[in-house]
Amino acid sequence: MDFVMKQALGGATKDMGKMLGGEEEKDPDAQKKEEERQEALRQQEEERKAKHARMEAEREKVRQQIRDKYGLKKKEE
């Protein structure tokens, strides 16, 4: 009977204890890994914002060149 249950559930038997409210396996380095992950996410976000700011500055430079070429005035919002 146990064999039939394992076959029916496939590889999910390892996680059955967790699903039924059993103890989860504790990773001793989980806190450290989570902190590293959060730091990596923060750094990626800063890089993304810096890249966006550089691109926007380049766009504004091109816009200003077009305004100068055609004698247009910048809209003030």
PDB file of N, CA and C in Angstrom:
ATOM      1  N   MET A   1       0.824  -1.193   0.000  1.00  0.00           N
ATOM      2  CA  MET A   1       0.000   0.000   0.000  1.00  0.00           C
ATOM      3  C   MET A   1       0.866   1.253   0.000  1.00  0.00           C
ATOM      4  N   ASP A   2       1.945   1.223   0.754  1.00  0.00           N
ATOM      5  CA  ASP A   2       2.843   2.373   0.821  1.00  0.00           C
ATOM      6  C   ASP A   2       3.464   2.644  -0.545  1.00  0.00           C
ATOM      7  N   PHE A   3       3.819   1.563  -1.256  1.00  0.00           N
ATOM      8  CA  PHE A   3       4.384   1.700  -2.587  1.00  0.00           C
ATOM      9  C   PHE A   3       3.400   2.373  -3.535  1.00  0.00           C
ATOM     10  N   VAL A   4       2.136   2.017  -3.439  1.00  0.00           N
ATOM     11  CA  VAL A   4       1.107   2.592  -4.300  1.00  0.00           C
ATOM     12  C   VAL A   4       0.960   4.080  -4.019  1.00  0.00           C
ATOM     13  N   MET A   5       1.012   4.470  -2.751  1.00  0.00           N
ATOM     14  CA  MET A   5       0.904   5.886  -2.394  1.00  0.00           C
ATOM     15  C   MET A   5       2.095   6.683  -2.948  1.00  0.00           C
ATOM     16  N   LYS A   6       3.288   6.122  -2.838  1.00  0.00           N
ATOM     17  CA  LYS A   6       4.463   6.809  -3.352  1.00  0.00           C
ATOM     18  C   LYS A   6       4.375   6.972  -4.861  1.00  0.00           C
ATOM     19  N   GLN A   7       3.901   5.960  -5.536  1.00  0.00           N
ATOM     20  CA  GLN A   7       3.762   6.033  -6.984  1.00  0.00           C
ATOM     21  C   GLN A   7       2.714   7.070  -7.383  1.00  0.00           C
ATOM     22  N   ALA A   8       1.632   7.138  -6.631  1.00  0.00           N
ATOM     23  CA  ALA A   8       0.549   8.063  -6.945  1.00  0.00           C
ATOM     24  C   ALA A   8       0.987   9.511  -6.712  1.00  0.00           C
ATOM     25  N   LEU A   9       1.748   9.743  -5.668  1.00  0.00           N
ATOM     26  CA  LEU A   9       2.171  11.095  -5.341  1.00  0.00           C
ATOM     27  C   LEU A   9       3.449  11.504  -6.052  1.00  0.00           C
ATOM     28  N   GLY A  10       4.177  10.592  -6.593  1.00  0.00           N
ATOM     29  CA  GLY A  10       5.422  10.909  -7.281  1.00  0.00           C
ATOM     30  C   GLY A  10       6.468  11.385  -6.297  1.00  0.00           C
ATOM     31  N   GLY A  11       7.151  12.461  -6.607  1.00  0.00           N
ATOM     32  CA  GLY A  11       8.215  12.988  -5.752  1.00  0.00           C
ATOM     33  C   GLY A  11       7.707  13.885  -4.648  1.00  0.00           C
ATOM     34  N   ALA A  12       6.409  14.039  -4.523  1.00  0.00           N
ATOM     35  CA  ALA A  12       5.849  14.954  -3.533  1.00  0.00           C
ATOM     36  C   ALA A  12       5.890  14.397  -2.116  1.00  0.00           C
ATOM     37  N   THR A  13       6.296  13.149  -1.934  1.00  0.00           N
ATOM     38  CA  THR A  13       6.275  12.563  -0.590  1.00  0.00           C
ATOM     39  C   THR A  13       7.265  13.245   0.348  1.00  0.00           C
ATOM     40  N   LYS A  14       8.325  13.806  -0.207  1.00  0.00           N
ATOM     41  CA  LYS A  14       9.301  14.483   0.654  1.00  0.00           C
ATOM     42  C   LYS A  14       8.685  15.701   1.321  1.00  0.00           C
ATOM     43  N   ASP A  15       7.790  16.379   0.617  1.00  0.00           N
ATOM     44  CA  ASP A  15       7.185  17.604   1.123  1.00  0.00           C
ATOM     45  C   ASP A  15       5.854  17.361   1.832  1.00  0.00           C
ATOM     46  N   MET A  16       5.428  16.131   1.940  1.00  0.00           N
ATOM     47  CA  MET A  16       4.131  15.848   2.561  1.00  0.00           C
ATOM     48  C   MET A  16       4.096  16.281   4.015  1.00  0.00           C
ATOM     49  N   GLY A  17       5.184  16.082   4.725  1.00  0.00           N
ATOM     50  CA  GLY A  17       5.227  16.479   6.131  1.00  0.00           C
ATOM     51  C   GLY A  17       5.027  17.971   6.288  1.00  0.00           C
ATOM     52  N   LYS A  18       5.615  18.753   5.402  1.00  0.00           N
ATOM     53  CA  LYS A  18       5.467  20.201   5.445  1.00  0.00           C
ATOM     54  C   LYS A  18       4.038  20.598   5.127  1.00  0.00           C
ATOM     55  N   MET A  19       3.447  19.923   4.151  1.00  0.00           N
ATOM     56  CA  MET A  19       2.085  20.268   3.753  1.00  0.00           C
ATOM     57  C   MET A  19       1.077  19.918   4.850  1.00  0.00           C
ATOM     58  N   LEU A  20       1.382  18.888   5.597  1.00  0.00           N
ATOM     59  CA  LEU A  20       0.464  18.459   6.647  1.00  0.00           C
ATOM     60  C   LEU A  20       0.739  19.148   7.968  1.00  0.00           C
ATOM     61  N   GLY A  21       1.618  20.146   7.975  1.00  0.00           N
ATOM     62  CA  GLY A  21       1.867  20.914   9.190  1.00  0.00           C
ATOM     63  C   GLY A  21       3.030  20.417  10.000  1.00  0.00           C
ATOM     64  N   GLY A  22       3.874  19.600   9.414  1.00  0.00           N
ATOM     65  CA  GLY A  22       5.032  19.084  10.134  1.00  0.00           C
ATOM     66  C   GLY A  22       6.141  20.126  10.219  1.00  0.00           C
ATOM     67  N   GLU A  23       7.219  19.726  10.815  1.00  0.00           N
ATOM     68  CA  GLU A  23       8.372  20.620  10.971  1.00  0.00           C
ATOM     69  C   GLU A  23       9.057  20.840   9.630  1.00  0.00           C
ATOM     70  N   GLU A  24       9.457  22.072   9.393  1.00  0.00           N
ATOM     71  CA  GLU A  24      10.246  22.365   8.206  1.00  0.00           C
ATOM     72  C   GLU A  24      11.710  22.181   8.556  1.00  0.00           C
ATOM     73  N   GLU A  25      12.484  21.801   7.542  1.00  0.00           N
ATOM     74  CA  GLU A  25      13.913  21.662   7.768  1.00  0.00           C
ATOM     75  C   GLU A  25      14.516  23.060   7.871  1.00  0.00           C
ATOM     76  N   LYS A  26      15.300  23.273   8.897  1.00  0.00           N
ATOM     77  CA  LYS A  26      15.902  24.589   9.136  1.00  0.00           C
ATOM     78  C   LYS A  26      17.269  24.634   8.461  1.00  0.00           C
ATOM     79  N   ASP A  27      17.503  25.661   7.687  1.00  0.00           N
ATOM     80  CA  ASP A  27      18.801  25.870   7.063  1.00  0.00           C
ATOM     81  C   ASP A  27      19.583  26.826   7.956  1.00  0.00           C
ATOM     82  N   PRO A  28      20.730  26.387   8.465  1.00  0.00           N
ATOM     83  CA  PRO A  28      21.475  27.255   9.388  1.00  0.00           C
ATOM     84  C   PRO A  28      21.958  28.548   8.741  1.00  0.00           C
ATOM     85  N   ASP A  29      22.131  28.546   7.439  1.00  0.00           N
ATOM     86  CA  ASP A  29      22.606  29.742   6.751  1.00  0.00           C
ATOM     87  C   ASP A  29      21.469  30.504   6.079  1.00  0.00           C
ATOM     88  N   ALA A  30      20.236  30.189   6.418  1.00  0.00           N
ATOM     89  CA  ALA A  30      19.088  30.805   5.756  1.00  0.00           C
ATOM     90  C   ALA A  30      19.062  32.321   5.972  1.00  0.00           C
ATOM     91  N   GLN A  31      19.340  32.764   7.178  1.00  0.00           N
ATOM     92  CA  GLN A  31      19.329  34.193   7.476  1.00  0.00           C
ATOM     93  C   GLN A  31      20.391  34.921   6.661  1.00  0.00           C
ATOM     94  N   LYS A  32      21.574  34.352   6.602  1.00  0.00           N
ATOM     95  CA  LYS A  32      22.676  34.959   5.850  1.00  0.00           C
ATOM     96  C   LYS A  32      22.345  35.001   4.358  1.00  0.00           C
ATOM     97  N   LYS A  33      21.779  33.917   3.832  1.00  0.00           N
ATOM     98  CA  LYS A  33      21.410  33.857   2.417  1.00  0.00           C
ATOM     99  C   LYS A  33      20.334  34.888   2.095  1.00  0.00           C
ATOM    100  N   GLU A  34      19.376  35.042   2.985  1.00  0.00           N
ATOM    101  CA  GLU A  34      18.301  36.009   2.771  1.00  0.00           C
ATOM    102  C   GLU A  34      18.852  37.436   2.765  1.00  0.00           C
ATOM    103  N   GLU A  35      19.771  37.735   3.670  1.00  0.00           N
ATOM    104  CA  GLU A  35      20.397  39.062   3.699  1.00  0.00           C
ATOM    105  C   GLU A  35      21.179  39.334   2.417  1.00  0.00           C
ATOM    106  N   GLU A  36      21.907  38.327   1.930  1.00  0.00           N
ATOM    107  CA  GLU A  36      22.662  38.479   0.686  1.00  0.00           C
ATOM    108  C   GLU A  36      21.712  38.707  -0.492  1.00  0.00           C
ATOM    109  N   ARG A  37      20.592  37.999  -0.496  1.00  0.00           N
ATOM    110  CA  ARG A  37      19.616  38.143  -1.565  1.00  0.00           C
ATOM    111  C   ARG A  37      19.007  39.544  -1.549  1.00  0.00           C
ATOM    112  N   GLN A  38      18.676  40.032  -0.355  1.00  0.00           N
ATOM    113  CA  GLN A  38      18.112  41.371  -0.230  1.00  0.00           C
ATOM    114  C   GLN A  38      19.118  42.433  -0.683  1.00  0.00           C
ATOM    115  N   GLU A  39      20.377  42.250  -0.331  1.00  0.00           N
ATOM    116  CA  GLU A  39      21.425  43.185  -0.737  1.00  0.00           C
ATOM    117  C   GLU A  39      21.584  43.176  -2.255  1.00  0.00           C
ATOM    118  N   ALA A  40      21.543  42.009  -2.861  1.00  0.00           N
ATOM    119  CA  ALA A  40      21.666  41.913  -4.316  1.00  0.00           C
ATOM    120  C   ALA A  40      20.485  42.600  -5.000  1.00  0.00           C
ATOM    121  N   LEU A  41      19.292  42.419  -4.473  1.00  0.00           N
ATOM    122  CA  LEU A  41      18.110  43.070  -5.041  1.00  0.00           C
ATOM    123  C   LEU A  41      18.217  44.588  -4.929  1.00  0.00           C
ATOM    124  N   ARG A  42      18.682  45.077  -3.782  1.00  0.00           N
ATOM    125  CA  ARG A  42      18.839  46.516  -3.575  1.00  0.00           C
ATOM    126  C   ARG A  42      19.864  47.082  -4.553  1.00  0.00           C
ATOM    127  N   GLN A  43      20.959  46.367  -4.730  1.00  0.00           N
ATOM    128  CA  GLN A  43      22.007  46.823  -5.640  1.00  0.00           C
ATOM    129  C   GLN A  43      21.499  46.833  -7.083  1.00  0.00           C
ATOM    130  N   GLN A  44      20.752  45.824  -7.484  1.00  0.00           N
ATOM    131  CA  GLN A  44      20.196  45.790  -8.840  1.00  0.00           C
ATOM    132  C   GLN A  44      19.237  46.952  -9.055  1.00  0.00           C
ATOM    133  N   GLU A  45      18.448  47.258  -8.054  1.00  0.00           N
ATOM    134  CA  GLU A  45      17.501  48.370  -8.166  1.00  0.00           C
ATOM    135  C   GLU A  45      18.242  49.702  -8.317  1.00  0.00           C
ATOM    136  N   GLU A  46      19.319  49.893  -7.561  1.00  0.00           N
ATOM    137  CA  GLU A  46      20.113  51.116  -7.680  1.00  0.00           C
ATOM    138  C   GLU A  46      20.732  51.234  -9.072  1.00  0.00           C
ATOM    139  N   GLU A  47      21.244  50.120  -9.587  1.00  0.00           N
ATOM    140  CA  GLU A  47      21.836  50.131 -10.926  1.00  0.00           C
ATOM    141  C   GLU A  47      20.776  50.457 -11.980  1.00  0.00           C
ATOM    142  N   ARG A  48      19.586  49.908 -11.829  1.00  0.00           N
ATOM    143  CA  ARG A  48      18.504  50.165 -12.765  1.00  0.00           C
ATOM    144  C   ARG A  48      18.122  51.643 -12.754  1.00  0.00           C
ATOM    145  N   LYS A  49      18.026  52.218 -11.562  1.00  0.00           N
ATOM    146  CA  LYS A  49      17.668  53.636 -11.450  1.00  0.00           C
ATOM    147  C   LYS A  49      18.757  54.523 -12.042  1.00  0.00           C
ATOM    148  N   ALA A  50      20.025  54.177 -11.815  1.00  0.00           N
ATOM    149  CA  ALA A  50      21.129  54.961 -12.368  1.00  0.00           C
ATOM    150  C   ALA A  50      21.123  54.892 -13.888  1.00  0.00           C
ATOM    151  N   LYS A  51      20.877  53.714 -14.426  1.00  0.00           N
ATOM    152  CA  LYS A  51      20.816  53.547 -15.880  1.00  0.00           C
ATOM    153  C   LYS A  51      19.677  54.377 -16.454  1.00  0.00           C
ATOM    154  N   HIS A  52      18.533  54.351 -15.792  1.00  0.00           N
ATOM    155  CA  HIS A  52      17.381  55.130 -16.245  1.00  0.00           C
ATOM    156  C   HIS A  52      17.692  56.626 -16.221  1.00  0.00           C
ATOM    157  N   ALA A  53      18.352  57.090 -15.185  1.00  0.00           N
ATOM    158  CA  ALA A  53      18.700  58.511 -15.077  1.00  0.00           C
ATOM    159  C   ALA A  53      19.658  58.920 -16.191  1.00  0.00           C
ATOM    160  N   ARG A  54      20.652  58.060 -16.489  1.00  0.00           N
ATOM    161  CA  ARG A  54      21.577  58.361 -17.588  1.00  0.00           C
ATOM    162  C   ARG A  54      20.848  58.429 -18.923  1.00  0.00           C
ATOM    163  N   MET A  55      19.956  57.481 -19.167  1.00  0.00           N
ATOM    164  CA  MET A  55      19.208  57.466 -20.426  1.00  0.00           C
ATOM    165  C   MET A  55      18.328  58.705 -20.552  1.00  0.00           C
ATOM    166  N   GLU A  56      17.689  59.091 -19.463  1.00  0.00           N
ATOM    167  CA  GLU A  56      16.820  60.271 -19.486  1.00  0.00           C
ATOM    168  C   GLU A  56      17.638  61.536 -19.726  1.00  0.00           C
ATOM    169  N   ALA A  57      18.829  61.622 -19.155  1.00  0.00           N
ATOM    170  CA  ALA A  57      19.699  62.777 -19.386  1.00  0.00           C
ATOM    171  C   ALA A  57      20.114  62.851 -20.850  1.00  0.00           C
ATOM    172  N   GLU A  58      20.426  61.708 -21.443  1.00  0.00           N
ATOM    173  CA  GLU A  58      20.778  61.681 -22.862  1.00  0.00           C
ATOM    174  C   GLU A  58      19.595  62.119 -23.727  1.00  0.00           C
ATOM    175  N   ARG A  59      18.417  61.661 -23.387  1.00  0.00           N
ATOM    176  CA  ARG A  59      17.217  62.049 -24.137  1.00  0.00           C
ATOM    177  C   ARG A  59      16.977  63.556 -24.044  1.00  0.00           C
ATOM    178  N   GLU A  60      17.155  64.086 -22.851  1.00  0.00           N
ATOM    179  CA  GLU A  60      16.953  65.528 -22.666  1.00  0.00           C
ATOM    180  C   GLU A  60      17.977  66.325 -23.475  1.00  0.00           C
ATOM    181  N   LYS A  61      19.187  65.824 -23.559  1.00  0.00           N
ATOM    182  CA  LYS A  61      20.224  66.478 -24.354  1.00  0.00           C
ATOM    183  C   LYS A  61      19.800  66.517 -25.825  1.00  0.00           C
ATOM    184  N   VAL A  62      19.287  65.396 -26.341  1.00  0.00           N
ATOM    185  CA  VAL A  62      18.834  65.344 -27.734  1.00  0.00           C
ATOM    186  C   VAL A  62      17.638  66.271 -27.928  1.00  0.00           C
ATOM    187  N   ARG A  63      16.730  66.285 -26.985  1.00  0.00           N
ATOM    188  CA  ARG A  63      15.573  67.185 -27.081  1.00  0.00           C
ATOM    189  C   ARG A  63      16.021  68.643 -27.164  1.00  0.00           C
ATOM    190  N   GLN A  64      16.996  68.982 -26.318  1.00  0.00           N
ATOM    191  CA  GLN A  64      17.482  70.361 -26.311  1.00  0.00           C
ATOM    192  C   GLN A  64      18.154  70.711 -27.634  1.00  0.00           C
ATOM    193  N   GLN A  65      18.888  69.778 -28.215  1.00  0.00           N
ATOM    194  CA  GLN A  65      19.507  70.020 -29.512  1.00  0.00           C
ATOM    195  C   GLN A  65      18.439  70.292 -30.578  1.00  0.00           C
ATOM    196  N   ILE A  66      17.344  69.535 -30.540  1.00  0.00           N
ATOM    197  CA  ILE A  66      16.248  69.739 -31.491  1.00  0.00           C
ATOM    198  C   ILE A  66      15.604  71.104 -31.257  1.00  0.00           C
ATOM    199  N   ARG A  67      15.384  71.463 -29.988  1.00  0.00           N
ATOM    200  CA  ARG A  67      14.808  72.775 -29.680  1.00  0.00           C
ATOM    201  C   ARG A  67      15.699  73.893 -30.212  1.00  0.00           C
ATOM    202  N   ASP A  68      17.008  73.758 -30.006  1.00  0.00           N
ATOM    203  CA  ASP A  68      17.947  74.778 -30.474  1.00  0.00           C
ATOM    204  C   ASP A  68      17.949  74.868 -32.004  1.00  0.00           C
ATOM    205  N   LYS A  69      17.894  73.722 -32.654  1.00  0.00           N
ATOM    206  CA  LYS A  69      17.942  73.686 -34.108  1.00  0.00           C
ATOM    207  C   LYS A  69      16.730  74.380 -34.727  1.00  0.00           C
ATOM    208  N   TYR A  70      15.552  74.152 -34.164  1.00  0.00           N
ATOM    209  CA  TYR A  70      14.327  74.694 -34.740  1.00  0.00           C
ATOM    210  C   TYR A  70      13.813  75.930 -34.010  1.00  0.00           C
ATOM    211  N   GLY A  71      14.542  76.409 -33.030  1.00  0.00           N
ATOM    212  CA  GLY A  71      14.161  77.614 -32.312  1.00  0.00           C
ATOM    213  C   GLY A  71      12.894  77.457 -31.487  1.00  0.00           C
ATOM    214  N   LEU A  72      12.699  76.296 -30.917  1.00  0.00           N
ATOM    215  CA  LEU A  72      11.526  76.032 -30.085  1.00  0.00           C
ATOM    216  C   LEU A  72      11.834  76.359 -28.637  1.00  0.00           C
ATOM    217  N   LYS A  73      10.792  76.673 -27.888  1.00  0.00           N
ATOM    218  CA  LYS A  73      10.947  76.943 -26.465  1.00  0.00           C
ATOM    219  C   LYS A  73      10.508  75.717 -25.679  1.00  0.00           C
ATOM    220  N   LYS A  74      11.170  75.494 -24.577  1.00  0.00           N
ATOM    221  CA  LYS A  74      10.850  74.349 -23.725  1.00  0.00           C
ATOM    222  C   LYS A  74       9.542  74.603 -22.999  1.00  0.00           C
ATOM    223  N   LYS A  75       8.688  73.569 -22.977  1.00  0.00           N
ATOM    224  CA  LYS A  75       7.428  73.682 -22.231  1.00  0.00           C
ATOM    225  C   LYS A  75       7.724  73.678 -20.748  1.00  0.00           C
ATOM    226  N   GLU A  76       7.064  74.553 -20.041  1.00  0.00           N
ATOM    227  CA  GLU A  76       7.181  74.575 -18.575  1.00  0.00           C
ATOM    228  C   GLU A  76       5.888  74.007 -18.010  1.00  0.00           C
ATOM    229  N   GLU A  77       6.010  72.979 -17.200  1.00  0.00           N
ATOM    230  CA  GLU A  77       4.827  72.330 -16.634  1.00  0.00           C
ATOM    231  C   GLU A  77       4.512  72.887 -15.281  1.00  0.00           C
TER     232      GLU A  77
END
